[in-house]
Structure formats: structure tokens, C-alpha cells
N, C-alpha and C. Protein backbone atom coordinates (compact mmCIF):
# COMPACT_ATOMS: atom_id res chain seq x y z
N MET A 1 0.77 -1.33 -0.06
CA MET A 1 -0.08 -0.03 -0.06
C MET A 1 0.70 1.14 0.09
N GLU A 2 2.18 1.33 -0.05
CA GLU A 2 2.91 1.92 -0.30
C GLU A 2 2.73 3.10 -1.50
N GLY A 3 2.26 4.03 -0.75
CA GLY A 3 2.07 5.21 -1.68
C GLY A 3 0.50 5.50 -2.70
N GLY A 4 -0.24 4.57 -1.63
CA GLY A 4 -1.15 4.39 -2.60
C GLY A 4 -2.33 5.81 -1.72
N TRP A 5 -3.76 5.62 -2.04
CA TRP A 5 -4.65 6.87 -1.76
C TRP A 5 -4.53 7.12 -0.62
N VAL A 6 -4.51 6.13 0.16
CA VAL A 6 -5.00 6.13 1.66
C VAL A 6 -3.57 6.58 2.16
N VAL A 7 -2.66 6.49 2.03
CA VAL A 7 -1.54 7.38 2.50
C VAL A 7 -1.33 8.94 1.96
N VAL A 8 -1.79 9.30 0.85
CA VAL A 8 -1.70 10.26 0.15
C VAL A 8 -3.08 10.98 0.73
N GLU A 9 -4.08 10.41 0.89
CA GLU A 9 -5.11 11.35 1.89
C GLU A 9 -4.52 11.53 3.42
N MET A 10 -4.07 10.48 3.83
CA MET A 10 -3.44 10.98 5.44
C MET A 10 -2.61 11.96 5.52
N ALA A 11 -1.87 12.36 4.55
CA ALA A 11 -0.09 13.06 5.02
C ALA A 11 -1.51 14.39 3.97
N ASN A 12 -2.27 14.95 3.29
CA ASN A 12 -2.83 15.89 3.13
C ASN A 12 -3.61 15.96 4.30
N LEU A 13 -4.17 14.81 5.17
CA LEU A 13 -5.31 15.51 6.28
C LEU A 13 -4.29 16.10 7.42
N VAL A 14 -2.82 15.75 7.40
CA VAL A 14 -2.07 16.51 8.54
C VAL A 14 -1.48 17.17 8.22
N GLN A 15 -1.68 18.03 6.71
CA GLN A 15 -1.39 19.31 6.07
C GLN A 15 -2.35 20.10 6.41
N TYR A 16 -3.43 19.66 6.50
CA TYR A 16 -4.43 20.60 6.78
C TYR A 16 -4.40 20.73 8.19
N VAL A 17 -4.55 19.97 9.01
CA VAL A 17 -4.61 19.70 10.90
C VAL A 17 -3.13 20.87 10.74
N ALA A 18 -2.18 20.75 9.94
CA ALA A 18 -1.39 21.56 10.76
C ALA A 18 -1.50 23.06 10.18
N LYS A 19 -2.27 23.53 9.13
CA LYS A 19 -2.50 24.62 9.13
C LYS A 19 -3.86 24.89 9.81
N LEU A 20 -4.38 23.93 10.12
CA LEU A 20 -5.85 24.82 11.78
C LEU A 20 -4.96 25.02 12.45
N ILE A 21 -3.60 24.47 13.18
CA ILE A 21 -3.11 24.30 14.39
C ILE A 21 -2.36 25.63 14.32
N GLU A 22 -2.14 26.11 12.94
CA GLU A 22 -1.10 27.50 12.46
C GLU A 22 -1.83 28.93 12.70
N ASN A 23 -2.95 28.16 12.16
CA ASN A 23 -4.06 29.34 12.36
C ASN A 23 -4.46 29.87 13.98
N GLU A 24 -4.63 28.82 14.66
CA GLU A 24 -4.73 28.90 16.67
C GLU A 24 -3.72 29.43 16.63
N TRP A 25 -2.50 29.20 16.26
CA TRP A 25 -1.43 29.79 16.90
C TRP A 25 -1.35 31.69 16.37
N LEU A 26 -2.16 31.86 15.21
CA LEU A 26 -1.91 33.13 14.97
C LEU A 26 -2.78 34.04 15.92
N ARG A 27 -4.26 33.30 15.95
CA ARG A 27 -5.32 33.70 16.47
C ARG A 27 -4.85 34.33 18.61
N TYR A 28 -3.96 33.15 18.59
CA TYR A 28 -3.36 33.10 20.05
C TYR A 28 -2.59 34.46 20.15
N ASN A 29 -1.39 34.39 19.06
CA ASN A 29 -0.49 35.51 19.11
C ASN A 29 -1.82 37.02 18.81
N SER A 30 -2.59 37.11 17.84
CA SER A 30 -3.20 38.34 18.33
C SER A 30 -3.87 38.78 19.38
N ILE A 31 -4.53 37.94 19.98
CA ILE A 31 -5.41 37.87 21.56
C ILE A 31 -4.03 38.70 22.28
N SER A 32 -3.18 37.72 22.37
CA SER A 32 -1.87 37.95 23.38
C SER A 32 -1.40 39.61 23.22
N SER A 33 -1.18 39.71 22.16
CA SER A 33 -0.61 41.29 21.05
C SER A 33 -2.06 41.84 21.78
N ILE A 34 -3.06 41.91 21.66
CA ILE A 34 -3.90 42.73 22.16
C ILE A 34 -3.75 43.09 23.65
N VAL A 35 -4.08 41.78 24.38
CA VAL A 35 -4.35 41.93 26.03
C VAL A 35 -3.01 42.27 26.74
N THR A 36 -1.68 41.82 26.30
CA THR A 36 -0.74 41.84 26.95
C THR A 36 -0.11 43.18 26.37
N GLY A 37 0.09 43.60 25.46
CA GLY A 37 0.13 44.95 24.69
C GLY A 37 1.95 44.40 23.91
N HIS A 38 1.90 43.17 24.17
CA HIS A 38 3.78 42.43 23.73
C HIS A 38 2.98 41.85 22.29
N VAL A 39 3.87 42.20 21.40
CA VAL A 39 3.89 41.77 20.04
C VAL A 39 5.05 39.96 19.75
N LEU A 40 4.52 39.04 19.32
CA LEU A 40 5.42 37.81 19.67
C LEU A 40 5.76 37.87 18.08
N ASN A 41 7.05 37.89 18.17
CA ASN A 41 7.56 37.69 16.34
C ASN A 41 8.14 36.63 16.14
N GLU A 42 7.53 35.42 16.72
CA GLU A 42 7.81 34.45 16.22
C GLU A 42 7.20 33.83 15.01
N GLU A 43 7.55 33.52 13.68
CA GLU A 43 7.06 32.78 12.72
C GLU A 43 6.47 31.48 13.02
N VAL A 44 5.36 30.65 12.22
CA VAL A 44 5.33 29.95 12.82
C VAL A 44 4.90 29.14 11.42
N ASP A 45 5.17 28.12 10.63
CA ASP A 45 5.09 27.55 9.26
C ASP A 45 4.70 25.96 9.83
N LEU A 46 3.35 25.41 10.02
CA LEU A 46 3.72 23.88 10.14
C LEU A 46 3.25 23.57 9.27
N GLN A 47 2.49 24.04 8.38
CA GLN A 47 2.05 23.16 7.12
C GLN A 47 3.14 23.26 6.10
N THR A 48 3.86 24.06 5.90
CA THR A 48 5.29 23.95 5.13
C THR A 48 6.33 22.73 5.93
N LEU A 49 6.01 22.83 7.31
CA LEU A 49 6.78 21.58 7.76
C LEU A 49 6.41 19.76 7.90
N ALA A 50 4.72 20.46 7.36
CA ALA A 50 4.19 18.75 7.20
C ALA A 50 4.33 18.71 6.10
N ILE A 51 4.98 19.51 4.56
CA ILE A 51 5.18 19.10 3.39
C ILE A 51 6.47 18.48 3.52
N ARG A 52 7.27 18.96 4.01
CA ARG A 52 8.62 18.91 4.38
C ARG A 52 9.04 17.38 4.84
N LEU A 53 8.20 17.24 5.86
CA LEU A 53 8.36 15.99 6.31
C LEU A 53 7.36 14.94 5.15
N ASN A 54 6.41 14.95 4.85
CA ASN A 54 6.51 14.58 3.49
C ASN A 54 6.99 13.67 2.68
N GLU A 55 7.86 14.71 2.20
CA GLU A 55 8.70 14.64 1.18
C GLU A 55 10.06 13.64 1.70
N ARG A 56 10.33 13.97 3.18
CA ARG A 56 11.31 13.38 3.47
C ARG A 56 10.91 11.63 3.68
N GLY A 57 10.20 11.25 3.61
CA GLY A 57 8.92 9.98 3.91
C GLY A 57 8.78 9.63 5.30
N ILE A 58 8.20 10.59 6.25
CA ILE A 58 7.94 10.28 7.36
C ILE A 58 6.57 9.94 7.06
N GLU A 59 5.67 8.99 7.69
CA GLU A 59 4.72 7.81 7.84
C GLU A 59 3.36 9.05 8.69
N PRO A 60 2.84 9.39 7.23
CA PRO A 60 1.85 9.85 7.99
C PRO A 60 0.77 9.39 9.06
N PHE A 61 1.05 7.77 9.07
CA PHE A 61 0.05 7.35 9.86
C PHE A 61 1.08 5.84 10.35
N PHE A 62 0.54 5.33 11.45
CA PHE A 62 1.13 4.17 11.59
C PHE A 62 0.48 3.15 12.72
N GLN A 63 -0.18 2.11 12.25
CA GLN A 63 -0.56 0.96 13.04
C GLN A 63 0.39 -0.24 13.26
N ASP A 64 0.08 -0.38 14.67
CA ASP A 64 1.30 -1.17 14.98
C ASP A 64 0.23 -2.78 15.15
N ALA A 65 0.92 -3.80 15.32
CA ALA A 65 0.29 -4.99 15.52
C ALA A 65 -1.03 -5.11 16.47
N ASN A 66 -0.99 -4.30 17.23
CA ASN A 66 -2.21 -4.56 18.14
C ASN A 66 -3.49 -3.79 17.35
N GLY A 67 -3.20 -2.85 16.60
CA GLY A 67 -4.58 -1.92 16.13
C GLY A 67 -4.31 -0.75 16.34
N ASN A 68 -3.18 -0.27 17.18
CA ASN A 68 -3.50 0.89 17.18
C ASN A 68 -2.75 1.98 16.50
N ILE A 69 -3.21 3.00 16.32
CA ILE A 69 -3.01 4.36 14.96
C ILE A 69 -2.13 5.29 16.15
N SER A 70 -1.03 5.78 15.34
CA SER A 70 -0.56 6.70 15.81
C SER A 70 -0.07 7.63 14.32
N SER A 71 0.53 8.70 14.47
CA SER A 71 0.88 9.49 13.24
C SER A 71 2.02 10.35 13.64
N PRO A 72 3.22 9.71 13.12
CA PRO A 72 4.59 10.16 13.30
C PRO A 72 4.50 11.65 12.65
N MET A 73 4.08 12.00 11.78
CA MET A 73 4.00 13.38 11.21
C MET A 73 3.64 14.32 11.85
N LEU A 74 2.43 14.40 11.97
CA LEU A 74 1.60 14.74 13.42
C LEU A 74 2.12 14.78 14.45
N SER A 75 2.89 13.82 15.27
CA SER A 75 3.58 14.00 16.30
C SER A 75 4.75 15.23 15.93
N GLU A 76 5.43 15.03 14.88
CA GLU A 76 6.40 16.33 14.70
C GLU A 76 6.10 17.59 14.56
N VAL A 77 4.95 17.50 13.89
CA VAL A 77 4.25 19.03 13.70
C VAL A 77 4.12 19.64 15.16
N SER A 78 3.48 18.72 15.90
CA SER A 78 3.11 19.23 17.41
C SER A 78 4.19 19.67 18.24
N ASN A 79 5.33 18.70 18.13
CA ASN A 79 6.44 19.22 18.70
C ASN A 79 6.91 20.22 18.37
N ALA A 80 6.86 21.10 17.07
CA ALA A 80 7.84 22.16 16.68
C ALA A 80 7.09 23.11 17.36
N LEU A 81 5.70 22.67 17.17
CA LEU A 81 4.90 24.18 18.05
C LEU A 81 5.05 24.03 19.97
N LEU A 82 5.25 23.03 20.16
CA LEU A 82 5.04 22.96 21.45
C LEU A 82 6.66 23.66 21.84
N THR A 83 7.64 23.09 21.07
CA THR A 83 9.16 23.65 21.50
C THR A 83 9.21 25.53 21.53
N THR A 84 8.28 25.96 20.33
CA THR A 84 8.59 27.09 20.03
C THR A 84 7.69 27.71 21.06
N VAL A 85 6.17 27.35 21.55
CA VAL A 85 6.09 27.58 22.82
C VAL A 85 6.72 27.37 24.36
N THR A 86 7.25 26.48 24.32
CA THR A 86 7.70 26.32 25.93
C THR A 86 9.24 27.38 25.73
N GLN A 87 9.65 27.80 24.76
CA GLN A 87 11.03 28.75 24.42
C GLN A 87 10.46 29.81 24.84
N LEU A 88 9.26 30.22 24.36
CA LEU A 88 8.52 31.90 24.50
C LEU A 88 8.28 31.84 26.05
N PHE A 89 7.85 30.52 26.68
CA PHE A 89 7.41 30.95 28.28
C PHE A 89 8.62 30.77 28.97
N ASN A 90 10.00 30.29 28.42
CA ASN A 90 11.02 30.10 29.00
C ASN A 90 11.75 31.85 29.34
N GLU A 91 11.57 32.63 28.32
CA GLU A 91 12.10 34.07 27.95
C GLU A 91 11.93 34.61 29.19
């Protein structure tokens, strides 16, 4: 099933979810800037990250022998954002 339509659609789904997360980040950034008066100049481009991960061959989803499904690609995308947020809170 390597390169089948399921893999392609799961990769597209992860890219769309990454864009949704990116939009939520921008919304948070706007609200935070209004409330605190401090502008966060941190760029987050998660959709491009998801595309690059797909090009590198990171699996959009993985099903183990027990039937548990995980998404290594979505984990990488969320870890990138969590790392950015953690660095901002530590400053």
C-alpha cells in the first residue's frame, strides 16, 4: 500500500490539521498582543513543515500489530509548535 491513496489522503489530512494549528497560533498571537501589549515575533509555518516531512518520507500514520494508530508526522508538527511555545514561556 506504499504510495496508495490512503497514504496520500492521510498526508493531506496532516497538512490541513497543521494549517488549522497554525491558524490557532496566529489567533492566540493576536489575542495575546491585544491583551498584553507585547507582540510575539515568532513565525510558525507548520503546513510547510508537514509538506517537508512528507517529502522526507515520514509516515503520516502508523498502525501497530495491536491495531493502535499513531501519526509520526503529526507528532513532529505538534512537537515543533510545543518547542516554540516552551521557548517563549521560558524567556
